[in-house]
């Protein structure tokens, strides 16, 4: 979650980025606004793609752990430590899946601003 928070900085600061990217009338001739907007767009695309990839990778890994723990749980139903670990991993999986929804909202907001 901390890594995602840091990676979402570009989205959190999109208005600031646009304000510093697009020049005022007095600087319009000195800066290529089209090129800087393209670079900002590409940075945003790269950030969104990498975050989605990281979240989906975490979901896949945690799903695998949950599956393994469920199989072990079937064999040893009296193991309370195993049950506790399974619940912990299931909670982590749900949290990561909800991060995909958060990511969608963050991305939509950034694209609307841009």
N, C-alpha and C. Protein backbone atom coordinates (compact mmCIF):
# COMPACT_ATOMS: atom_id res chain seq x y z
N UNK A 1 0.82 -1.19 0.00
CA UNK A 1 0.00 0.00 0.00
C UNK A 1 0.87 1.25 0.00
N UNK A 2 1.96 1.20 0.74
CA UNK A 2 2.87 2.35 0.78
C UNK A 2 3.48 2.59 -0.60
N UNK A 3 3.86 1.53 -1.28
CA UNK A 3 4.42 1.65 -2.63
C UNK A 3 3.38 2.25 -3.58
N UNK A 4 2.14 1.81 -3.49
CA UNK A 4 1.09 2.37 -4.34
C UNK A 4 0.87 3.85 -4.03
N UNK A 5 0.92 4.21 -2.76
CA UNK A 5 0.75 5.61 -2.39
C UNK A 5 1.83 6.47 -3.03
N UNK A 6 3.05 6.00 -2.98
CA UNK A 6 4.16 6.74 -3.59
C UNK A 6 4.00 6.78 -5.11
N UNK A 7 3.58 5.66 -5.69
CA UNK A 7 3.43 5.60 -7.14
C UNK A 7 2.26 6.45 -7.64
N UNK A 8 1.32 6.78 -6.76
CA UNK A 8 0.17 7.59 -7.16
C UNK A 8 0.44 9.09 -7.04
N UNK A 9 1.65 9.46 -6.71
CA UNK A 9 2.00 10.87 -6.56
C UNK A 9 1.69 11.66 -7.82
N UNK A 10 2.00 11.12 -8.99
CA UNK A 10 1.74 11.83 -10.23
C UNK A 10 0.25 12.11 -10.40
N UNK A 11 -0.58 11.18 -10.00
CA UNK A 11 -2.03 11.39 -10.09
C UNK A 11 -2.51 12.41 -9.05
N UNK A 12 -1.93 12.36 -7.87
CA UNK A 12 -2.31 13.30 -6.82
C UNK A 12 -1.93 14.73 -7.18
N UNK A 13 -0.87 14.86 -7.96
CA UNK A 13 -0.37 16.19 -8.30
C UNK A 13 -0.65 16.58 -9.75
N UNK A 14 -1.64 15.96 -10.37
CA UNK A 14 -1.90 16.18 -11.80
C UNK A 14 -2.22 17.64 -12.10
N UNK A 15 -2.99 18.30 -11.26
CA UNK A 15 -3.33 19.71 -11.50
C UNK A 15 -2.05 20.56 -11.44
N UNK A 16 -1.23 20.29 -10.45
CA UNK A 16 0.04 21.02 -10.34
C UNK A 16 0.91 20.75 -11.56
N UNK A 17 0.98 19.50 -11.97
CA UNK A 17 1.78 19.15 -13.15
C UNK A 17 1.30 19.89 -14.39
N UNK A 18 0.00 19.95 -14.56
CA UNK A 18 -0.55 20.67 -15.72
C UNK A 18 -0.25 22.17 -15.63
N UNK A 19 -0.38 22.71 -14.44
CA UNK A 19 -0.11 24.14 -14.27
C UNK A 19 1.35 24.48 -14.56
N UNK A 20 2.25 23.57 -14.24
CA UNK A 20 3.66 23.84 -14.51
C UNK A 20 4.08 23.41 -15.91
N UNK A 21 3.29 22.57 -16.57
CA UNK A 21 3.61 22.08 -17.90
C UNK A 21 3.15 23.04 -18.98
N UNK A 22 1.95 23.54 -18.84
CA UNK A 22 1.39 24.42 -19.86
C UNK A 22 1.81 25.85 -19.54
N UNK A 23 2.52 26.50 -20.45
CA UNK A 23 3.05 27.84 -20.17
C UNK A 23 1.97 28.92 -20.23
N UNK A 24 2.24 29.99 -19.51
CA UNK A 24 1.37 31.16 -19.60
C UNK A 24 1.66 31.85 -20.92
N UNK A 25 0.88 32.85 -21.25
CA UNK A 25 1.04 33.55 -22.54
C UNK A 25 2.44 34.13 -22.70
N UNK A 26 3.03 34.64 -21.63
CA UNK A 26 4.36 35.25 -21.73
C UNK A 26 5.47 34.23 -22.02
N UNK A 27 5.25 32.97 -21.69
CA UNK A 27 6.25 31.93 -21.93
C UNK A 27 5.89 31.02 -23.09
N UNK A 28 4.79 31.29 -23.75
CA UNK A 28 4.28 30.40 -24.79
C UNK A 28 5.30 30.12 -25.89
N UNK A 29 6.12 31.10 -26.26
CA UNK A 29 7.09 30.90 -27.33
C UNK A 29 8.33 30.16 -26.90
N UNK A 30 8.58 30.09 -25.61
CA UNK A 30 9.82 29.48 -25.10
C UNK A 30 9.69 27.99 -24.81
N UNK A 31 8.47 27.52 -24.62
CA UNK A 31 8.23 26.12 -24.24
C UNK A 31 7.27 25.50 -25.24
N UNK A 32 7.60 24.29 -25.66
CA UNK A 32 6.71 23.56 -26.57
C UNK A 32 5.66 22.85 -25.72
N UNK A 33 4.50 23.49 -25.57
CA UNK A 33 3.43 22.95 -24.71
C UNK A 33 2.95 21.60 -25.22
N UNK A 34 2.87 21.43 -26.53
CA UNK A 34 2.43 20.16 -27.08
C UNK A 34 3.34 19.02 -26.68
N UNK A 35 4.64 19.24 -26.77
CA UNK A 35 5.61 18.21 -26.42
C UNK A 35 5.57 17.90 -24.92
N UNK A 36 5.49 18.93 -24.08
CA UNK A 36 5.46 18.69 -22.64
C UNK A 36 4.16 17.99 -22.23
N UNK A 37 3.07 18.30 -22.92
CA UNK A 37 1.80 17.60 -22.63
C UNK A 37 1.91 16.13 -23.04
N UNK A 38 2.56 15.87 -24.18
CA UNK A 38 2.75 14.48 -24.61
C UNK A 38 3.59 13.72 -23.58
N UNK A 39 4.62 14.37 -23.06
CA UNK A 39 5.48 13.72 -22.06
C UNK A 39 4.70 13.45 -20.77
N UNK A 40 3.87 14.40 -20.37
CA UNK A 40 3.04 14.20 -19.18
C UNK A 40 2.05 13.06 -19.41
N UNK A 41 1.45 13.04 -20.58
CA UNK A 41 0.51 11.97 -20.94
C UNK A 41 1.21 10.62 -20.86
N UNK A 42 2.42 10.53 -21.43
CA UNK A 42 3.17 9.27 -21.44
C UNK A 42 3.55 8.86 -20.02
N UNK A 43 3.94 9.82 -19.20
CA UNK A 43 4.28 9.52 -17.80
C UNK A 43 3.07 8.96 -17.06
N UNK A 44 1.92 9.57 -17.32
CA UNK A 44 0.69 9.12 -16.69
C UNK A 44 0.33 7.70 -17.15
N UNK A 45 0.44 7.46 -18.44
CA UNK A 45 0.17 6.12 -18.99
C UNK A 45 1.10 5.08 -18.37
N UNK A 46 2.39 5.40 -18.30
CA UNK A 46 3.37 4.48 -17.73
C UNK A 46 3.06 4.19 -16.26
N UNK A 47 2.71 5.24 -15.51
CA UNK A 47 2.40 5.07 -14.09
C UNK A 47 1.18 4.17 -13.91
N UNK A 48 0.15 4.41 -14.69
CA UNK A 48 -1.08 3.60 -14.58
C UNK A 48 -0.81 2.15 -14.94
N UNK A 49 -0.06 1.94 -16.01
CA UNK A 49 0.24 0.57 -16.45
C UNK A 49 1.06 -0.17 -15.41
N UNK A 50 2.09 0.49 -14.87
CA UNK A 50 2.95 -0.20 -13.90
C UNK A 50 2.21 -0.50 -12.61
N UNK A 51 1.36 0.43 -12.15
CA UNK A 51 0.60 0.17 -10.92
C UNK A 51 -0.38 -0.98 -11.12
N UNK A 52 -1.07 -0.99 -12.24
CA UNK A 52 -2.02 -2.07 -12.49
C UNK A 52 -1.30 -3.42 -12.55
N UNK A 53 -0.15 -3.43 -13.20
CA UNK A 53 0.65 -4.66 -13.30
C UNK A 53 1.09 -5.15 -11.92
N UNK A 54 1.53 -4.23 -11.08
CA UNK A 54 1.98 -4.58 -9.72
C UNK A 54 0.81 -5.13 -8.90
N UNK A 55 -0.33 -4.45 -8.96
CA UNK A 55 -1.50 -4.89 -8.19
C UNK A 55 -1.94 -6.28 -8.65
N UNK A 56 -2.02 -6.49 -9.96
CA UNK A 56 -2.45 -7.80 -10.47
C UNK A 56 -1.45 -8.89 -10.12
N UNK A 57 -0.16 -8.56 -10.10
CA UNK A 57 0.86 -9.53 -9.72
C UNK A 57 0.69 -9.91 -8.24
N UNK A 58 0.44 -8.92 -7.39
CA UNK A 58 0.21 -9.20 -5.96
C UNK A 58 -1.04 -10.06 -5.77
N UNK A 59 -2.09 -9.76 -6.53
CA UNK A 59 -3.32 -10.55 -6.44
C UNK A 59 -3.06 -11.99 -6.84
N UNK A 60 -2.31 -12.19 -7.90
CA UNK A 60 -2.01 -13.55 -8.36
C UNK A 60 -1.21 -14.32 -7.32
N UNK A 61 -0.21 -13.67 -6.74
CA UNK A 61 0.62 -14.34 -5.73
C UNK A 61 -0.19 -14.68 -4.48
N UNK A 62 -0.99 -13.74 -4.03
CA UNK A 62 -1.80 -13.97 -2.83
C UNK A 62 -2.87 -15.02 -3.09
N UNK A 63 -3.44 -15.01 -4.29
CA UNK A 63 -4.43 -16.04 -4.64
C UNK A 63 -3.81 -17.42 -4.58
N UNK A 64 -2.60 -17.52 -5.03
CA UNK A 64 -1.88 -18.80 -4.99
C UNK A 64 -1.68 -19.26 -3.54
N UNK A 65 -1.29 -18.33 -2.69
CA UNK A 65 -1.09 -18.66 -1.27
C UNK A 65 -2.41 -19.10 -0.64
N UNK A 66 -3.49 -18.37 -0.94
CA UNK A 66 -4.81 -18.71 -0.40
C UNK A 66 -5.23 -20.10 -0.86
N UNK A 67 -5.00 -20.39 -2.13
CA UNK A 67 -5.36 -21.71 -2.66
C UNK A 67 -4.59 -22.82 -1.93
N UNK A 68 -3.31 -22.60 -1.74
CA UNK A 68 -2.48 -23.59 -1.04
C UNK A 68 -2.96 -23.77 0.40
N UNK A 69 -3.24 -22.66 1.06
CA UNK A 69 -3.71 -22.74 2.45
C UNK A 69 -5.06 -23.44 2.55
N UNK A 70 -5.94 -23.20 1.58
CA UNK A 70 -7.24 -23.88 1.57
C UNK A 70 -7.05 -25.39 1.43
N UNK A 71 -6.13 -25.79 0.56
CA UNK A 71 -5.87 -27.22 0.37
C UNK A 71 -5.32 -27.84 1.65
N UNK A 72 -4.42 -27.11 2.31
CA UNK A 72 -3.87 -27.61 3.57
C UNK A 72 -4.96 -27.66 4.65
N UNK A 73 -5.84 -26.69 4.62
CA UNK A 73 -6.94 -26.62 5.60
C UNK A 73 -7.89 -27.80 5.44
N UNK A 74 -8.11 -28.23 4.20
CA UNK A 74 -8.96 -29.40 3.94
C UNK A 74 -8.38 -30.65 4.60
N UNK A 75 -7.06 -30.73 4.62
CA UNK A 75 -6.39 -31.91 5.18
C UNK A 75 -6.33 -31.86 6.71
N UNK A 76 -6.18 -30.65 7.25
CA UNK A 76 -6.03 -30.50 8.71
C UNK A 76 -7.02 -29.46 9.22
N UNK A 77 -8.27 -29.87 9.37
CA UNK A 77 -9.32 -28.92 9.75
C UNK A 77 -9.24 -28.47 11.20
N UNK A 78 -8.47 -29.17 12.02
CA UNK A 78 -8.36 -28.79 13.42
C UNK A 78 -7.24 -27.80 13.70
N UNK A 79 -6.45 -27.48 12.69
CA UNK A 79 -5.29 -26.59 12.85
C UNK A 79 -5.75 -25.13 12.88
N UNK A 80 -5.82 -24.56 14.07
CA UNK A 80 -6.28 -23.18 14.23
C UNK A 80 -5.28 -22.17 13.69
N UNK A 81 -3.98 -22.46 13.80
CA UNK A 81 -2.96 -21.56 13.27
C UNK A 81 -3.08 -21.46 11.75
N UNK A 82 -3.39 -22.59 11.13
CA UNK A 82 -3.57 -22.61 9.68
C UNK A 82 -4.81 -21.81 9.28
N UNK A 83 -5.87 -21.95 10.05
CA UNK A 83 -7.09 -21.19 9.79
C UNK A 83 -6.82 -19.68 9.93
N UNK A 84 -6.08 -19.31 10.96
CA UNK A 84 -5.74 -17.91 11.17
C UNK A 84 -4.92 -17.36 10.00
N UNK A 85 -3.96 -18.13 9.54
CA UNK A 85 -3.13 -17.72 8.41
C UNK A 85 -3.98 -17.59 7.14
N UNK A 86 -4.89 -18.53 6.94
CA UNK A 86 -5.78 -18.48 5.77
C UNK A 86 -6.64 -17.22 5.80
N UNK A 87 -7.22 -16.91 6.94
CA UNK A 87 -8.05 -15.70 7.08
C UNK A 87 -7.23 -14.44 6.80
N UNK A 88 -6.01 -14.43 7.30
CA UNK A 88 -5.12 -13.28 7.10
C UNK A 88 -4.84 -13.08 5.61
N UNK A 89 -4.54 -14.16 4.92
CA UNK A 89 -4.25 -14.09 3.48
C UNK A 89 -5.49 -13.72 2.68
N UNK A 90 -6.66 -14.21 3.10
CA UNK A 90 -7.91 -13.86 2.41
C UNK A 90 -8.20 -12.37 2.58
N UNK A 91 -7.93 -11.84 3.75
CA UNK A 91 -8.13 -10.41 3.98
C UNK A 91 -7.18 -9.59 3.11
N UNK A 92 -5.94 -10.04 3.03
CA UNK A 92 -4.96 -9.36 2.19
C UNK A 92 -5.40 -9.39 0.72
N UNK A 93 -5.93 -10.52 0.28
CA UNK A 93 -6.40 -10.66 -1.10
C UNK A 93 -7.56 -9.69 -1.38
N UNK A 94 -8.50 -9.61 -0.46
CA UNK A 94 -9.63 -8.69 -0.63
C UNK A 94 -9.15 -7.24 -0.69
N UNK A 95 -8.17 -6.92 0.14
CA UNK A 95 -7.60 -5.57 0.14
C UNK A 95 -6.97 -5.25 -1.21
N UNK A 96 -6.22 -6.18 -1.74
CA UNK A 96 -5.57 -5.97 -3.04
C UNK A 96 -6.59 -5.86 -4.17
N UNK A 97 -7.65 -6.65 -4.08
CA UNK A 97 -8.69 -6.56 -5.10
C UNK A 97 -9.40 -5.21 -5.03
N UNK A 98 -9.57 -4.69 -3.82
CA UNK A 98 -10.18 -3.37 -3.69
C UNK A 98 -9.26 -2.28 -4.22
N UNK A 99 -7.95 -2.52 -4.18
CA UNK A 99 -7.00 -1.56 -4.74
C UNK A 99 -7.19 -1.40 -6.24
N UNK A 100 -7.64 -2.45 -6.92
CA UNK A 100 -7.94 -2.32 -8.34
C UNK A 100 -9.07 -1.33 -8.57
N UNK A 101 -10.07 -1.35 -7.70
CA UNK A 101 -11.17 -0.38 -7.80
C UNK A 101 -10.67 1.03 -7.51
N UNK A 102 -9.83 1.16 -6.51
CA UNK A 102 -9.25 2.47 -6.18
C UNK A 102 -8.45 2.97 -7.37
N UNK A 103 -7.70 2.09 -7.96
CA UNK A 103 -6.87 2.45 -9.12
C UNK A 103 -7.73 2.97 -10.26
N UNK A 104 -8.85 2.34 -10.49
CA UNK A 104 -9.76 2.78 -11.55
C UNK A 104 -10.27 4.20 -11.28
N UNK A 105 -10.64 4.48 -10.05
CA UNK A 105 -11.12 5.81 -9.68
C UNK A 105 -10.02 6.85 -9.84
N UNK A 106 -8.83 6.53 -9.36
CA UNK A 106 -7.69 7.45 -9.46
C UNK A 106 -7.38 7.74 -10.93
N UNK A 107 -7.36 6.70 -11.74
CA UNK A 107 -7.05 6.87 -13.17
C UNK A 107 -8.11 7.71 -13.86
N UNK A 108 -9.37 7.44 -13.60
CA UNK A 108 -10.45 8.21 -14.22
C UNK A 108 -10.34 9.69 -13.86
N UNK A 109 -10.07 9.96 -12.60
CA UNK A 109 -9.93 11.35 -12.16
C UNK A 109 -8.80 12.04 -12.90
N UNK A 110 -7.66 11.36 -13.00
CA UNK A 110 -6.50 11.97 -13.67
C UNK A 110 -6.78 12.24 -15.14
N UNK A 111 -7.44 11.30 -15.81
CA UNK A 111 -7.73 11.49 -17.24
C UNK A 111 -8.72 12.63 -17.45
N UNK A 112 -9.67 12.77 -16.54
CA UNK A 112 -10.63 13.88 -16.66
C UNK A 112 -9.92 15.22 -16.50
N UNK A 113 -9.00 15.29 -15.56
CA UNK A 113 -8.24 16.53 -15.35
C UNK A 113 -7.37 16.83 -16.56
N UNK A 114 -6.72 15.80 -17.07
CA UNK A 114 -5.81 16.00 -18.21
C UNK A 114 -6.61 16.39 -19.44
